[in-house]
């Protein structure tokens, strides 16, 4: 019985670790929607499900520039940068995928 419980606990842990998307320490895990803003000549940003607007420092790749597109993003916050757009938190995208 004890061996069965240990085996079950080990398998459960492996499944949970396999389902987790690893995010590097200090990075943000953002789920949200892509939006186009008309400020400063126009740009694309991500409005997170947490209500925060994230401004990608190098912009969004063309394949993600679709209004309302749901995305999952790992990003590095860039408090060392400033922008004239002032719409939200400036980020550097590490990884992005469509949902």
C-alpha atoms as a PDB file:
ATOM      1  CA  UNK A   1       0.000   0.000   0.000  1.00  0.00           C
ATOM      2  CA  UNK A   2       2.801   2.418   0.897  1.00  0.00           C
ATOM      3  CA  UNK A   3       4.598   1.694  -2.409  1.00  0.00           C
ATOM      4  CA  UNK A   4       1.378   2.361  -4.321  1.00  0.00           C
ATOM      5  CA  UNK A   5       0.907   5.723  -2.565  1.00  0.00           C
ATOM      6  CA  UNK A   6       4.513   6.702  -3.277  1.00  0.00           C
ATOM      7  CA  UNK A   7       4.160   5.718  -6.935  1.00  0.00           C
ATOM      8  CA  UNK A   8       0.895   7.664  -7.246  1.00  0.00           C
ATOM      9  CA  UNK A   9       2.448  10.759  -5.618  1.00  0.00           C
ATOM     10  CA  UNK A  10       5.481  10.568  -7.925  1.00  0.00           C
ATOM     11  CA  UNK A  11       3.336  10.234 -11.053  1.00  0.00           C
ATOM     12  CA  UNK A  12       1.113  13.107  -9.949  1.00  0.00           C
ATOM     13  CA  UNK A  13       4.163  15.324  -9.428  1.00  0.00           C
ATOM     14  CA  UNK A  14       5.531  14.454 -12.875  1.00  0.00           C
ATOM     15  CA  UNK A  15       2.212  15.265 -14.527  1.00  0.00           C
ATOM     16  CA  UNK A  16       1.952  18.606 -12.728  1.00  0.00           C
ATOM     17  CA  UNK A  17       5.519  19.553 -13.633  1.00  0.00           C
ATOM     18  CA  UNK A  18       4.917  18.584 -17.250  1.00  0.00           C
ATOM     19  CA  UNK A  19       1.863  20.856 -17.450  1.00  0.00           C
ATOM     20  CA  UNK A  20       3.655  23.872 -16.001  1.00  0.00           C
ATOM     21  CA  UNK A  21       5.215  26.375 -18.366  1.00  0.00           C
ATOM     22  CA  UNK A  22       8.528  27.368 -16.839  1.00  0.00           C
ATOM     23  CA  UNK A  23       9.060  31.113 -16.587  1.00  0.00           C
ATOM     24  CA  UNK A  24      12.521  32.435 -15.795  1.00  0.00           C
ATOM     25  CA  UNK A  25      12.851  34.188 -12.426  1.00  0.00           C
ATOM     26  CA  UNK A  26      11.913  37.842 -12.690  1.00  0.00           C
ATOM     27  CA  UNK A  27       9.926  37.362 -15.901  1.00  0.00           C
ATOM     28  CA  UNK A  28       6.194  37.898 -16.270  1.00  0.00           C
ATOM     29  CA  UNK A  29       3.714  35.284 -17.480  1.00  0.00           C
ATOM     30  CA  UNK A  30       1.021  37.270 -19.315  1.00  0.00           C
ATOM     31  CA  UNK A  31      -2.242  36.055 -20.792  1.00  0.00           C
ATOM     32  CA  UNK A  32      -4.195  38.674 -22.680  1.00  0.00           C
ATOM     33  CA  UNK A  33      -5.367  40.150 -25.977  1.00  0.00           C
ATOM     34  CA  UNK A  34      -3.542  42.137 -28.631  1.00  0.00           C
ATOM     35  CA  UNK A  35      -4.778  45.692 -29.237  1.00  0.00           C
ATOM     36  CA  UNK A  36      -3.828  48.448 -31.660  1.00  0.00           C
ATOM     37  CA  UNK A  37      -3.393  51.959 -30.277  1.00  0.00           C
ATOM     38  CA  UNK A  38      -3.498  55.038 -32.520  1.00  0.00           C
ATOM     39  CA  UNK A  39      -1.085  57.061 -30.356  1.00  0.00           C
ATOM     40  CA  UNK A  40       2.307  58.138 -31.732  1.00  0.00           C
ATOM     41  CA  UNK A  41       1.607  56.883 -35.246  1.00  0.00           C
ATOM     42  CA  UNK A  42       0.041  53.635 -34.049  1.00  0.00           C
ATOM     43  CA  UNK A  43       1.446  50.575 -32.304  1.00  0.00           C
ATOM     44  CA  UNK A  44       0.433  47.150 -31.008  1.00  0.00           C
ATOM     45  CA  UNK A  45       0.323  46.265 -27.317  1.00  0.00           C
ATOM     46  CA  UNK A  46      -1.073  43.503 -25.115  1.00  0.00           C
ATOM     47  CA  UNK A  47      -3.857  44.110 -22.636  1.00  0.00           C
ATOM     48  CA  UNK A  48      -3.403  41.472 -19.953  1.00  0.00           C
ATOM     49  CA  UNK A  49      -6.288  39.669 -18.301  1.00  0.00           C
ATOM     50  CA  UNK A  50      -5.042  41.401 -15.128  1.00  0.00           C
ATOM     51  CA  UNK A  51      -6.082  44.765 -16.647  1.00  0.00           C
ATOM     52  CA  UNK A  52      -2.496  45.917 -17.252  1.00  0.00           C
ATOM     53  CA  UNK A  53      -1.418  47.117 -20.688  1.00  0.00           C
ATOM     54  CA  UNK A  54       1.985  45.804 -21.757  1.00  0.00           C
ATOM     55  CA  UNK A  55       4.015  47.726 -24.327  1.00  0.00           C
ATOM     56  CA  UNK A  56       6.482  45.430 -26.186  1.00  0.00           C
ATOM     57  CA  UNK A  57       9.774  47.321 -26.492  1.00  0.00           C
ATOM     58  CA  UNK A  58      10.572  45.930 -29.957  1.00  0.00           C
ATOM     59  CA  UNK A  59       6.942  45.698 -31.067  1.00  0.00           C
ATOM     60  CA  UNK A  60       4.927  42.591 -31.864  1.00  0.00           C
ATOM     61  CA  UNK A  61       5.910  40.227 -34.676  1.00  0.00           C
ATOM     62  CA  UNK A  62       3.653  40.694 -37.730  1.00  0.00           C
ATOM     63  CA  UNK A  63       1.862  37.349 -37.245  1.00  0.00           C
ATOM     64  CA  UNK A  64       0.550  38.585 -33.861  1.00  0.00           C
ATOM     65  CA  UNK A  65      -0.698  41.977 -35.074  1.00  0.00           C
ATOM     66  CA  UNK A  66      -4.393  41.096 -35.081  1.00  0.00           C
ATOM     67  CA  UNK A  67      -6.910  43.044 -33.015  1.00  0.00           C
ATOM     68  CA  UNK A  68      -8.269  40.934 -30.161  1.00  0.00           C
ATOM     69  CA  UNK A  69      -5.898  37.997 -30.749  1.00  0.00           C
ATOM     70  CA  UNK A  70      -5.482  36.018 -27.521  1.00  0.00           C
ATOM     71  CA  UNK A  71      -1.852  35.367 -26.595  1.00  0.00           C
ATOM     72  CA  UNK A  72       0.306  33.854 -23.875  1.00  0.00           C
ATOM     73  CA  UNK A  73       3.555  35.749 -23.321  1.00  0.00           C
ATOM     74  CA  UNK A  74       6.663  35.335 -21.221  1.00  0.00           C
ATOM     75  CA  UNK A  75       8.247  38.749 -20.907  1.00  0.00           C
ATOM     76  CA  UNK A  76      10.982  40.551 -19.090  1.00  0.00           C
ATOM     77  CA  UNK A  77       9.805  43.794 -17.476  1.00  0.00           C
ATOM     78  CA  UNK A  78      11.962  46.746 -18.580  1.00  0.00           C
ATOM     79  CA  UNK A  79      11.667  49.447 -15.887  1.00  0.00           C
ATOM     80  CA  UNK A  80      14.970  50.852 -17.183  1.00  0.00           C
ATOM     81  CA  UNK A  81      13.239  52.082 -20.369  1.00  0.00           C
ATOM     82  CA  UNK A  82      10.848  54.974 -20.987  1.00  0.00           C
ATOM     83  CA  UNK A  83       8.430  55.596 -23.832  1.00  0.00           C
ATOM     84  CA  UNK A  84       6.535  58.627 -25.077  1.00  0.00           C
ATOM     85  CA  UNK A  85       3.487  56.369 -25.496  1.00  0.00           C
ATOM     86  CA  UNK A  86       3.050  55.913 -21.730  1.00  0.00           C
ATOM     87  CA  UNK A  87       0.324  53.285 -22.119  1.00  0.00           C
ATOM     88  CA  UNK A  88       1.651  50.679 -19.732  1.00  0.00           C
ATOM     89  CA  UNK A  89       4.485  48.492 -18.581  1.00  0.00           C
ATOM     90  CA  UNK A  90       7.320  48.229 -21.101  1.00  0.00           C
ATOM     91  CA  UNK A  91       8.316  44.608 -21.694  1.00  0.00           C
ATOM     92  CA  UNK A  92      10.797  42.611 -23.734  1.00  0.00           C
ATOM     93  CA  UNK A  93       9.109  39.528 -25.186  1.00  0.00           C
ATOM     94  CA  UNK A  94      10.965  36.297 -24.431  1.00  0.00           C
ATOM     95  CA  UNK A  95       8.326  33.917 -25.788  1.00  0.00           C
ATOM     96  CA  UNK A  96       4.874  34.442 -27.331  1.00  0.00           C
ATOM     97  CA  UNK A  97       2.212  32.051 -28.610  1.00  0.00           C
ATOM     98  CA  UNK A  98      -1.332  32.289 -29.902  1.00  0.00           C
ATOM     99  CA  UNK A  99      -4.077  30.821 -27.745  1.00  0.00           C
END
